[in-house]
C-alpha atoms as a PDB file:
ATOM      1  CA  MET A   1       0.027  -0.014   0.014  1.00  0.00           C
ATOM      2  CA  ARG A   2       1.196   3.520  -0.837  1.00  0.00           C
ATOM      3  CA  LEU A   3       0.500   6.396   1.505  1.00  0.00           C
ATOM      4  CA  ASN A   4      -1.746   8.880  -0.319  1.00  0.00           C
ATOM      5  CA  PRO A   5      -3.184  12.115   1.071  1.00  0.00           C
ATOM      6  CA  SER A   6      -6.695  10.593   1.554  1.00  0.00           C
ATOM      7  CA  VAL A   7      -5.386   8.276   4.315  1.00  0.00           C
ATOM      8  CA  THR A   8      -6.077   9.771   7.711  1.00  0.00           C
ATOM      9  CA  GLN A   9      -5.388   8.441  11.216  1.00  0.00           C
ATOM     10  CA  LYS A  10      -9.107   7.617  11.472  1.00  0.00           C
ATOM     11  CA  ASN A  11      -9.469   5.560   8.291  1.00  0.00           C
ATOM     12  CA  PHE A  12      -6.038   3.897   8.799  1.00  0.00           C
ATOM     13  CA  LEU A  13      -7.299   2.658  12.168  1.00  0.00           C
ATOM     14  CA  SER A  14     -10.502   1.405  10.472  1.00  0.00           C
ATOM     15  CA  MET A  15      -8.384  -0.455   7.915  1.00  0.00           C
ATOM     16  CA  LEU A  16      -6.366  -2.048  10.720  1.00  0.00           C
ATOM     17  CA  GLY A  17      -9.671  -3.111  12.193  1.00  0.00           C
ATOM     18  CA  ILE A  18     -10.217  -5.268   9.142  1.00  0.00           C
ATOM     19  CA  LEU A  19      -6.707  -6.736   9.192  1.00  0.00           C
ATOM     20  CA  ILE A  20      -6.129  -7.284  12.909  1.00  0.00           C
ATOM     21  CA  VAL A  21      -7.625 -10.048  15.049  1.00  0.00           C
ATOM     22  CA  ALA A  22      -7.145  -9.070  18.686  1.00  0.00           C
ATOM     23  CA  SER A  23      -8.399 -10.545  21.907  1.00  0.00           C
ATOM     24  CA  GLY A  24      -8.550  -7.089  23.519  1.00  0.00           C
ATOM     25  CA  PRO A  25      -7.941  -3.377  22.805  1.00  0.00           C
ATOM     26  CA  TYR A  26      -4.635  -2.316  21.290  1.00  0.00           C
ATOM     27  CA  ARG A  27      -2.684   0.861  20.504  1.00  0.00           C
ATOM     28  CA  VAL A  28      -1.041   1.880  17.280  1.00  0.00           C
ATOM     29  CA  THR A  29       2.088   4.082  17.818  1.00  0.00           C
ATOM     30  CA  LEU A  30       4.305   6.010  15.440  1.00  0.00           C
ATOM     31  CA  ARG A  31       7.676   4.601  16.325  1.00  0.00           C
ATOM     32  CA  SER A  32       9.628   7.853  15.688  1.00  0.00           C
ATOM     33  CA  THR A  33       7.523   9.925  18.094  1.00  0.00           C
ATOM     34  CA  GLY A  34       5.935   7.437  20.437  1.00  0.00           C
ATOM     35  CA  ILE A  35       2.576   9.093  19.858  1.00  0.00           C
ATOM     36  CA  ASP A  36      -0.536   6.894  19.571  1.00  0.00           C
ATOM     37  CA  LEU A  37      -2.858   7.275  16.636  1.00  0.00           C
ATOM     38  CA  MET A  38      -6.305   8.676  17.320  1.00  0.00           C
ATOM     39  CA  PRO A  39      -9.597   8.305  15.334  1.00  0.00           C
ATOM     40  CA  ILE A  40      -9.300  11.853  13.941  1.00  0.00           C
ATOM     41  CA  ASP A  41      -9.137  13.240  10.411  1.00  0.00           C
ATOM     42  CA  ASP A  42      -5.453  14.344  10.556  1.00  0.00           C
ATOM     43  CA  ALA A  43      -3.383  12.973   7.725  1.00  0.00           C
ATOM     44  CA  LEU A  44      -1.423   9.839   8.463  1.00  0.00           C
ATOM     45  CA  LYS A  45       2.293  10.525   8.739  1.00  0.00           C
ATOM     46  CA  PRO A  46       4.794   8.226   6.947  1.00  0.00           C
ATOM     47  CA  GLY A  47       6.871   5.991   9.127  1.00  0.00           C
ATOM     48  CA  HIS A  48       6.880   2.709  11.028  1.00  0.00           C
ATOM     49  CA  TYR A  49       3.970   1.949  13.305  1.00  0.00           C
ATOM     50  CA  ASP A  50       3.929  -0.476  16.221  1.00  0.00           C
ATOM     51  CA  ILE A  51       0.762  -2.309  17.260  1.00  0.00           C
ATOM     52  CA  ARG A  52       0.659  -3.438  20.815  1.00  0.00           C
ATOM     53  CA  PRO A  53      -2.186  -4.723  23.133  1.00  0.00           C
ATOM     54  CA  TYR A  54      -2.873  -2.647  26.254  1.00  0.00           C
ATOM     55  CA  SER A  55      -2.746  -5.822  28.284  1.00  0.00           C
ATOM     56  CA  ARG A  56      -0.032  -8.470  28.160  1.00  0.00           C
ATOM     57  CA  LYS A  57      -2.733 -11.112  28.441  1.00  0.00           C
ATOM     58  CA  ASP A  58      -4.165 -10.142  25.082  1.00  0.00           C
ATOM     59  CA  THR A  59      -2.929 -11.364  21.708  1.00  0.00           C
ATOM     60  CA  ILE A  60      -2.759  -9.792  18.245  1.00  0.00           C
ATOM     61  CA  SER A  61      -2.610 -11.518  14.885  1.00  0.00           C
ATOM     62  CA  ILE A  62      -3.267 -10.885  11.215  1.00  0.00           C
ATOM     63  CA  THR A  63      -6.570 -12.219   9.851  1.00  0.00           C
ATOM     64  CA  ASP A  64      -6.562 -15.208   7.558  1.00  0.00           C
ATOM     65  CA  GLU A  65      -9.806 -14.060   5.931  1.00  0.00           C
ATOM     66  CA  PRO A  66      -9.398 -14.893   2.216  1.00  0.00           C
ATOM     67  CA  CYS A  67      -9.400 -12.280  -0.445  1.00  0.00           C
ATOM     68  CA  ILE A  68     -11.170 -13.247  -3.654  1.00  0.00           C
ATOM     69  CA  THR A  69      -9.350 -13.656  -6.949  1.00  0.00           C
ATOM     70  CA  ARG A  70     -10.706 -10.938  -9.153  1.00  0.00           C
ATOM     71  CA  ILE A  71     -10.401 -10.505 -12.906  1.00  0.00           C
ATOM     72  CA  LEU A  72     -11.553  -7.742 -15.201  1.00  0.00           C
ATOM     73  CA  SER A  73     -15.319  -7.922 -15.516  1.00  0.00           C
ATOM     74  CA  ARG A  74     -16.742  -7.836 -19.034  1.00  0.00           C
ATOM     75  CA  THR A  75     -20.324  -7.754 -20.404  1.00  0.00           C
ATOM     76  CA  ILE A  76     -20.640 -11.013 -22.349  1.00  0.00           C
ATOM     77  CA  THR A  77     -24.203 -12.288 -21.756  1.00  0.00           C
ATOM     78  CA  GLY A  78     -27.739 -11.057 -22.217  1.00  0.00           C
ATOM     79  CA  ARG A  79     -28.088 -10.338 -18.534  1.00  0.00           C
ATOM     80  CA  ASP A  80     -24.960  -8.222 -18.700  1.00  0.00           C
ATOM     81  CA  ASP A  81     -26.465  -6.159 -21.532  1.00  0.00           C
ATOM     82  CA  ILE A  82     -29.364  -5.210 -19.291  1.00  0.00           C
ATOM     83  CA  PHE A  83     -26.933  -4.420 -16.506  1.00  0.00           C
ATOM     84  CA  ARG A  84     -24.914  -2.147 -18.759  1.00  0.00           C
ATOM     85  CA  ALA A  85     -27.906  -0.312 -20.095  1.00  0.00           C
ATOM     86  CA  ARG A  86     -29.269   0.420 -16.624  1.00  0.00           C
ATOM     87  CA  ILE A  87     -25.921   1.671 -15.334  1.00  0.00           C
ATOM     88  CA  ARG A  88     -25.490   3.942 -18.300  1.00  0.00           C
ATOM     89  CA  GLU A  89     -29.002   5.320 -17.902  1.00  0.00           C
ATOM     90  CA  ARG A  90     -28.518   6.024 -14.224  1.00  0.00           C
ATOM     91  CA  ASP A  91     -25.026   7.504 -14.182  1.00  0.00           C
ATOM     92  CA  GLY A  92     -24.199   9.010 -17.577  1.00  0.00           C
ATOM     93  CA  LYS A  93     -20.706   9.782 -16.347  1.00  0.00           C
ATOM     94  CA  CYS A  94     -17.730   8.155 -14.728  1.00  0.00           C
ATOM     95  CA  VAL A  95     -18.783   8.288 -11.077  1.00  0.00           C
ATOM     96  CA  ILE A  96     -15.166   8.151  -9.948  1.00  0.00           C
ATOM     97  CA  THR A  97     -13.577  10.975 -12.018  1.00  0.00           C
ATOM     98  CA  GLY A  98     -16.742  12.929 -12.794  1.00  0.00           C
ATOM     99  CA  VAL A  99     -16.065  12.819 -16.578  1.00  0.00           C
ATOM    100  CA  VAL A 100     -19.421  13.149 -18.313  1.00  0.00           C
ATOM    101  CA  ASN A 101     -20.231  11.299 -21.483  1.00  0.00           C
ATOM    102  CA  THR A 102     -21.145  14.185 -23.827  1.00  0.00           C
ATOM    103  CA  GLU A 103     -21.936  11.753 -26.693  1.00  0.00           C
ATOM    104  CA  ILE A 104     -24.943  10.096 -25.132  1.00  0.00           C
ATOM    105  CA  SER A 105     -27.251  11.482 -27.800  1.00  0.00           C
ATOM    106  CA  TRP A 106     -25.252   9.477 -30.418  1.00  0.00           C
ATOM    107  CA  ASN A 107     -25.292   6.424 -28.143  1.00  0.00           C
ATOM    108  CA  ASP A 108     -21.538   6.454 -28.190  1.00  0.00           C
ATOM    109  CA  TRP A 109     -20.110   5.048 -24.920  1.00  0.00           C
ATOM    110  CA  THR A 110     -16.525   4.579 -26.114  1.00  0.00           C
ATOM    111  CA  GLY A 111     -14.222   4.704 -23.128  1.00  0.00           C
ATOM    112  CA  PHE A 112     -16.977   4.075 -20.561  1.00  0.00           C
ATOM    113  CA  GLU A 113     -17.685   0.686 -18.971  1.00  0.00           C
ATOM    114  CA  ALA A 114     -20.196  -0.656 -16.507  1.00  0.00           C
ATOM    115  CA  ALA A 115     -18.217  -2.177 -13.608  1.00  0.00           C
ATOM    116  CA  HIS A 116     -19.510  -4.747 -11.169  1.00  0.00           C
ATOM    117  CA  ILE A 117     -18.860  -4.029  -7.484  1.00  0.00           C
ATOM    118  CA  PHE A 118     -19.281  -7.717  -6.619  1.00  0.00           C
ATOM    119  CA  PRO A 119     -17.760  -9.633  -9.585  1.00  0.00           C
ATOM    120  CA  VAL A 120     -19.815 -12.120 -11.583  1.00  0.00           C
ATOM    121  CA  SER A 121     -17.059 -14.709 -11.172  1.00  0.00           C
ATOM    122  CA  SER A 122     -17.969 -14.825  -7.445  1.00  0.00           C
ATOM    123  CA  GLU A 123     -21.735 -15.169  -7.926  1.00  0.00           C
ATOM    124  CA  GLU A 124     -21.914 -18.398  -5.869  1.00  0.00           C
ATOM    125  CA  TYR A 125     -20.105 -16.638  -3.032  1.00  0.00           C
ATOM    126  CA  PHE A 126     -22.436 -13.687  -3.464  1.00  0.00           C
ATOM    127  CA  VAL A 127     -25.480 -15.916  -2.927  1.00  0.00           C
ATOM    128  CA  GLN A 128     -24.115 -18.262  -0.243  1.00  0.00           C
ATOM    129  CA  ASN A 129     -22.972 -15.343   1.929  1.00  0.00           C
ATOM    130  CA  GLY A 130     -26.328 -13.545   1.761  1.00  0.00           C
ATOM    131  CA  PHE A 131     -25.275 -10.514  -0.350  1.00  0.00           C
ATOM    132  CA  SER A 132     -28.157 -11.045  -2.730  1.00  0.00           C
ATOM    133  CA  ARG A 133     -30.605  -9.974  -0.022  1.00  0.00           C
ATOM    134  CA  TYR A 134     -29.357  -6.403  -0.326  1.00  0.00           C
ATOM    135  CA  ILE A 135     -30.554  -6.290  -3.947  1.00  0.00           C
ATOM    136  CA  THR A 136     -34.113  -4.929  -3.890  1.00  0.00           C
ATOM    137  CA  ASN A 137     -34.895  -4.917  -7.598  1.00  0.00           C
ATOM    138  CA  ARG A 138     -34.369  -8.551  -8.477  1.00  0.00           C
ATOM    139  CA  ILE A 139     -36.586  -9.973 -11.227  1.00  0.00           C
ATOM    140  CA  GLY A 140     -38.013 -13.391 -10.276  1.00  0.00           C
ATOM    141  CA  PRO A 141     -36.790 -16.069  -7.894  1.00  0.00           C
ATOM    142  CA  ARG A 142     -33.861 -17.153 -10.043  1.00  0.00           C
ATOM    143  CA  ASP A 143     -32.352 -13.728 -10.207  1.00  0.00           C
ATOM    144  CA  THR A 144     -29.468 -13.539  -7.769  1.00  0.00           C
ATOM    145  CA  GLY A 145     -29.097  -9.782  -8.246  1.00  0.00           C
ATOM    146  CA  ILE A 146     -25.449  -9.990  -9.304  1.00  0.00           C
ATOM    147  CA  ASN A 147     -26.340  -8.083 -12.473  1.00  0.00           C
ATOM    148  CA  SER A 148     -28.546  -5.496 -10.778  1.00  0.00           C
ATOM    149  CA  CYS A 149     -27.602  -1.883 -11.328  1.00  0.00           C
ATOM    150  CA  GLN A 150     -27.436  -1.762  -7.484  1.00  0.00           C
ATOM    151  CA  ASN A 151     -24.251  -3.778  -7.878  1.00  0.00           C
ATOM    152  CA  GLY A 152     -22.629  -1.560 -10.486  1.00  0.00           C
ATOM    153  CA  LEU A 153     -20.958   1.770 -11.309  1.00  0.00           C
ATOM    154  CA  LEU A 154     -20.132   3.524 -14.608  1.00  0.00           C
ATOM    155  CA  MET A 155     -16.419   4.183 -14.984  1.00  0.00           C
ATOM    156  CA  LEU A 156     -13.864   5.150 -17.567  1.00  0.00           C
ATOM    157  CA  SER A 157     -12.188   2.064 -18.974  1.00  0.00           C
ATOM    158  CA  ASN A 158      -8.848   2.691 -17.339  1.00  0.00           C
ATOM    159  CA  ILE A 159     -10.473   3.406 -14.014  1.00  0.00           C
ATOM    160  CA  HIS A 160     -12.502   0.190 -14.268  1.00  0.00           C
ATOM    161  CA  GLN A 161      -9.272  -1.804 -14.659  1.00  0.00           C
ATOM    162  CA  LYS A 162      -7.851  -0.173 -11.533  1.00  0.00           C
ATOM    163  CA  PHE A 163     -11.105  -0.919  -9.599  1.00  0.00           C
ATOM    164  CA  ASP A 164     -11.067  -4.578 -10.613  1.00  0.00           C
ATOM    165  CA  SER A 165      -7.403  -4.840  -9.470  1.00  0.00           C
ATOM    166  CA  PHE A 166      -8.317  -3.428  -6.091  1.00  0.00           C
ATOM    167  CA  LYS A 167      -6.017  -0.446  -6.722  1.00  0.00           C
ATOM    168  CA  PHE A 168      -8.614   1.868  -5.223  1.00  0.00           C
ATOM    169  CA  SER A 169     -11.866   1.568  -3.349  1.00  0.00           C
ATOM    170  CA  ILE A 170     -14.792   3.562  -1.969  1.00  0.00           C
ATOM    171  CA  ASN A 171     -15.573   3.652   1.752  1.00  0.00           C
ATOM    172  CA  PRO A 172     -19.267   4.245   2.335  1.00  0.00           C
ATOM    173  CA  ASP A 173     -18.506   4.716   6.041  1.00  0.00           C
ATOM    174  CA  ASP A 174     -16.142   7.615   5.333  1.00  0.00           C
ATOM    175  CA  GLY A 175     -18.353   9.878   3.240  1.00  0.00           C
ATOM    176  CA  TYR A 176     -17.891   7.690   0.145  1.00  0.00           C
ATOM    177  CA  LYS A 177     -14.344   8.806  -0.030  1.00  0.00           C
ATOM    178  CA  ILE A 178     -12.134   7.205  -2.710  1.00  0.00           C
ATOM    179  CA  THR A 179      -8.849   5.764  -1.309  1.00  0.00           C
ATOM    180  CA  CYS A 180      -5.974   4.767  -3.688  1.00  0.00           C
ATOM    181  CA  PHE A 181      -3.837   1.929  -2.484  1.00  0.00           C
ATOM    182  CA  ASP A 182      -1.369   2.485  -5.351  1.00  0.00           C
ATOM    183  CA  THR A 183       0.253   5.447  -7.041  1.00  0.00           C
ATOM    184  CA  ASP A 184      -2.585   7.870  -7.877  1.00  0.00           C
ATOM    185  CA  ILE A 185      -1.751   8.341 -11.589  1.00  0.00           C
ATOM    186  CA  PHE A 186      -5.375   9.394 -12.398  1.00  0.00           C
ATOM    187  CA  GLY A 187      -5.805  11.915  -9.579  1.00  0.00           C
ATOM    188  CA  ILE A 188      -8.800  10.211  -7.952  1.00  0.00           C
ATOM    189  CA  ASP A 189      -7.483   9.760  -4.414  1.00  0.00           C
ATOM    190  CA  GLY A 190      -9.637  11.724  -1.923  1.00  0.00           C
ATOM    191  CA  ARG A 191     -12.422  12.338  -4.394  1.00  0.00           C
ATOM    192  CA  THR A 192     -15.998  11.401  -3.433  1.00  0.00           C
ATOM    193  CA  LEU A 193     -18.230   8.834  -5.276  1.00  0.00           C
ATOM    194  CA  ASP A 194     -20.640  10.893  -7.382  1.00  0.00           C
ATOM    195  CA  PRO A 195     -24.055  11.205  -5.665  1.00  0.00           C
ATOM    196  CA  ILE A 196     -25.885  10.411  -8.924  1.00  0.00           C
ATOM    197  CA  CYS A 197     -25.329   6.704  -8.354  1.00  0.00           C
ATOM    198  CA  ARG A 198     -26.042   6.434  -4.617  1.00  0.00           C
ATOM    199  CA  ASP A 199     -29.557   7.782  -3.970  1.00  0.00           C
ATOM    200  CA  HIS A 200     -30.836   5.523  -1.203  1.00  0.00           C
ATOM    201  CA  ASN A 201     -34.397   6.439  -2.063  1.00  0.00           C
ATOM    202  CA  ASN A 202     -33.961   5.236  -5.609  1.00  0.00           C
ATOM    203  CA  GLU A 203     -34.390   1.547  -6.520  1.00  0.00           C
ATOM    204  CA  LYS A 204     -31.517   1.964  -8.929  1.00  0.00           C
ATOM    205  CA  GLY A 205     -29.031   3.310  -6.344  1.00  0.00           C
ATOM    206  CA  VAL A 206     -25.826   1.407  -5.520  1.00  0.00           C
ATOM    207  CA  ARG A 207     -25.905  -0.414  -2.220  1.00  0.00           C
ATOM    208  CA  ASP A 208     -23.599   0.525   0.677  1.00  0.00           C
ATOM    209  CA  GLU A 209     -23.282  -3.096   1.827  1.00  0.00           C
ATOM    210  CA  LEU A 210     -21.608  -4.019  -1.469  1.00  0.00           C
ATOM    211  CA  LEU A 211     -19.320  -1.023  -1.473  1.00  0.00           C
ATOM    212  CA  ARG A 212     -18.429  -1.898   2.109  1.00  0.00           C
ATOM    213  CA  TRP A 213     -17.510  -5.504   1.054  1.00  0.00           C
ATOM    214  CA  GLN A 214     -15.368  -4.255  -1.859  1.00  0.00           C
ATOM    215  CA  PHE A 215     -13.512  -1.837   0.423  1.00  0.00           C
ATOM    216  CA  ARG A 216     -12.827  -4.703   2.841  1.00  0.00           C
ATOM    217  CA  GLN A 217     -11.481  -6.816  -0.054  1.00  0.00           C
ATOM    218  CA  ALA A 218      -9.251  -3.996  -1.176  1.00  0.00           C
ATOM    219  CA  VAL A 219      -7.753  -3.625   2.306  1.00  0.00           C
ATOM    220  CA  LEU A 220      -7.059  -7.354   2.464  1.00  0.00           C
ATOM    221  CA  ALA A 221      -5.536  -7.352  -1.034  1.00  0.00           C
ATOM    222  CA  ASN A 222      -3.242  -4.397  -0.417  1.00  0.00           C
ATOM    223  CA  MET A 223      -2.282  -4.232   3.245  1.00  0.00           C
ATOM    224  CA  ARG A 224      -1.565  -7.868   4.167  1.00  0.00           C
ATOM    225  CA  GLY A 225       1.990  -9.046   3.585  1.00  0.00           C
ATOM    226  CA  ALA A 226       3.171  -8.364   0.051  1.00  0.00           C
ATOM    227  CA  GLY A 227      -0.361  -7.984  -1.192  1.00  0.00           C
ATOM    228  CA  GLU A 228      -2.252  -9.929  -3.789  1.00  0.00           C
ATOM    229  CA  PRO A 229      -0.756 -10.555  -7.261  1.00  0.00           C
ATOM    230  CA  ILE A 230      -1.463  -8.284 -10.205  1.00  0.00           C
ATOM    231  CA  PHE A 231      -2.945 -10.137 -13.149  1.00  0.00           C
ATOM    232  CA  GLU A 232      -2.224  -9.307 -16.795  1.00  0.00           C
ATOM    233  CA  MET A 233      -5.413  -7.909 -18.402  1.00  0.00           C
ATOM    234  CA  ASP A 234      -4.196  -6.903 -21.888  1.00  0.00           C
ATOM    235  CA  PHE A 235      -4.424  -9.743 -24.378  1.00  0.00           C
ATOM    236  CA  PRO A 236      -4.247  -8.450 -27.960  1.00  0.00           C
ATOM    237  CA  PRO A 237      -5.673 -10.594 -30.787  1.00  0.00           C
ATOM    238  CA  GLY A 238      -3.453 -13.594 -31.380  1.00  0.00           C
ATOM    239  CA  SER A 239      -2.083 -13.677 -27.860  1.00  0.00           C
ATOM    240  CA  ASP A 240      -1.556 -17.026 -26.117  1.00  0.00           C
ATOM    241  CA  VAL A 241      -4.040 -16.180 -23.410  1.00  0.00           C
ATOM    242  CA  MET A 242      -3.987 -19.653 -21.865  1.00  0.00           C
ATOM    243  CA  GLY A 243      -0.206 -19.741 -21.850  1.00  0.00           C
ATOM    244  CA  GLU A 244       0.092 -16.290 -20.186  1.00  0.00           C
ATOM    245  CA  ILE A 245      -2.435 -17.223 -17.528  1.00  0.00           C
ATOM    246  CA  LEU A 246      -0.691 -20.524 -16.731  1.00  0.00           C
ATOM    247  CA  SER A 247       2.689 -18.829 -16.548  1.00  0.00           C
ATOM    248  CA  GLY A 248       1.385 -15.994 -14.419  1.00  0.00           C
ATOM    249  CA  PRO A 249       0.697 -15.745 -10.661  1.00  0.00           C
ATOM    250  CA  GLU A 250      -1.777 -18.143  -9.038  1.00  0.00           C
ATOM    251  CA  PRO A 251      -2.855 -19.760 -12.351  1.00  0.00           C
ATOM    252  CA  ALA A 252      -5.365 -22.174 -10.781  1.00  0.00           C
ATOM    253  CA  LYS A 253      -7.289 -19.404  -8.941  1.00  0.00           C
ATOM    254  CA  ARG A 254      -7.275 -17.209 -12.030  1.00  0.00           C
ATOM    255  CA  MET A 255      -8.463 -20.016 -14.288  1.00  0.00           C
ATOM    256  CA  GLU A 256     -11.346 -20.720 -11.886  1.00  0.00           C
ATOM    257  CA  ALA A 257     -12.289 -17.026 -11.834  1.00  0.00           C
ATOM    258  CA  GLU A 258     -12.141 -16.763 -15.622  1.00  0.00           C
ATOM    259  CA  LEU A 259     -14.289 -19.869 -15.974  1.00  0.00           C
ATOM    260  CA  PHE A 260     -16.991 -18.706 -13.550  1.00  0.00           C
ATOM    261  CA  SER A 261     -16.952 -15.288 -15.145  1.00  0.00           C
ATOM    262  CA  ARG A 262     -17.726 -16.784 -18.571  1.00  0.00           C
ATOM    263  CA  LEU A 263     -20.302 -19.199 -17.283  1.00  0.00           C
ATOM    264  CA  SER A 264     -22.214 -16.551 -15.329  1.00  0.00           C
ATOM    265  CA  GLY A 265     -25.655 -16.063 -16.903  1.00  0.00           C
ATOM    266  CA  VAL A 266     -25.492 -19.198 -19.051  1.00  0.00           C
ATOM    267  CA  SER A 267     -28.747 -21.122 -18.695  1.00  0.00           C
ATOM    268  CA  LEU A 268     -28.729 -24.898 -18.900  1.00  0.00           C
END
């Protein structure tokens, strides 16, 4: 994780709350000053931080909660077409950068993509862990809600790739602030998710519970150990896609994610 301006003492402590498993309260201290962090909005200072329990009887460890293997989500089925259309209709802009699509009247969406918050490759996990209950506009008993517009955001193509790689996330519990976990080359760190997509009184509005899950996954992916591997996403025509996947990091997990992503929405 890279330290960007959006990271405050308060949200750093909240991130540690995701990573740390503790049997009792603990303190986080900047080693160079000996000063404990407080849940305030002051910027986090660079340096080494020590995490210690207040009581010697208590223990601290890093969570072993798994982080899902995520690949770039693409619209490849009929259900995805509906998802994309509803996201475009609701947002009309990249809700991360604020860039408006000025060519809507020509139905030209070049450079804009509908991104799933919860990826279609993890639809089974989505259902088994009860996330589908947060989708209130499902159509029929067989609709899991994974392709609901409540599970999507419109983004510029390059921003979408960063999102699917967990390079940034949106924290609904911190004013929908965007936090970059990598170098902020697109200038989005500290921005706020556009309100157009998050009207809680609108059946089309994105759901906080799904944003909260994605933020948790991003913390696990970027702040634990060396972080999760970065997958190659750019496969020009004629590329040996299978060969590149098999020679890349965690090929078995990626192949499984690719398979489930392609099978999502296929009726038997």
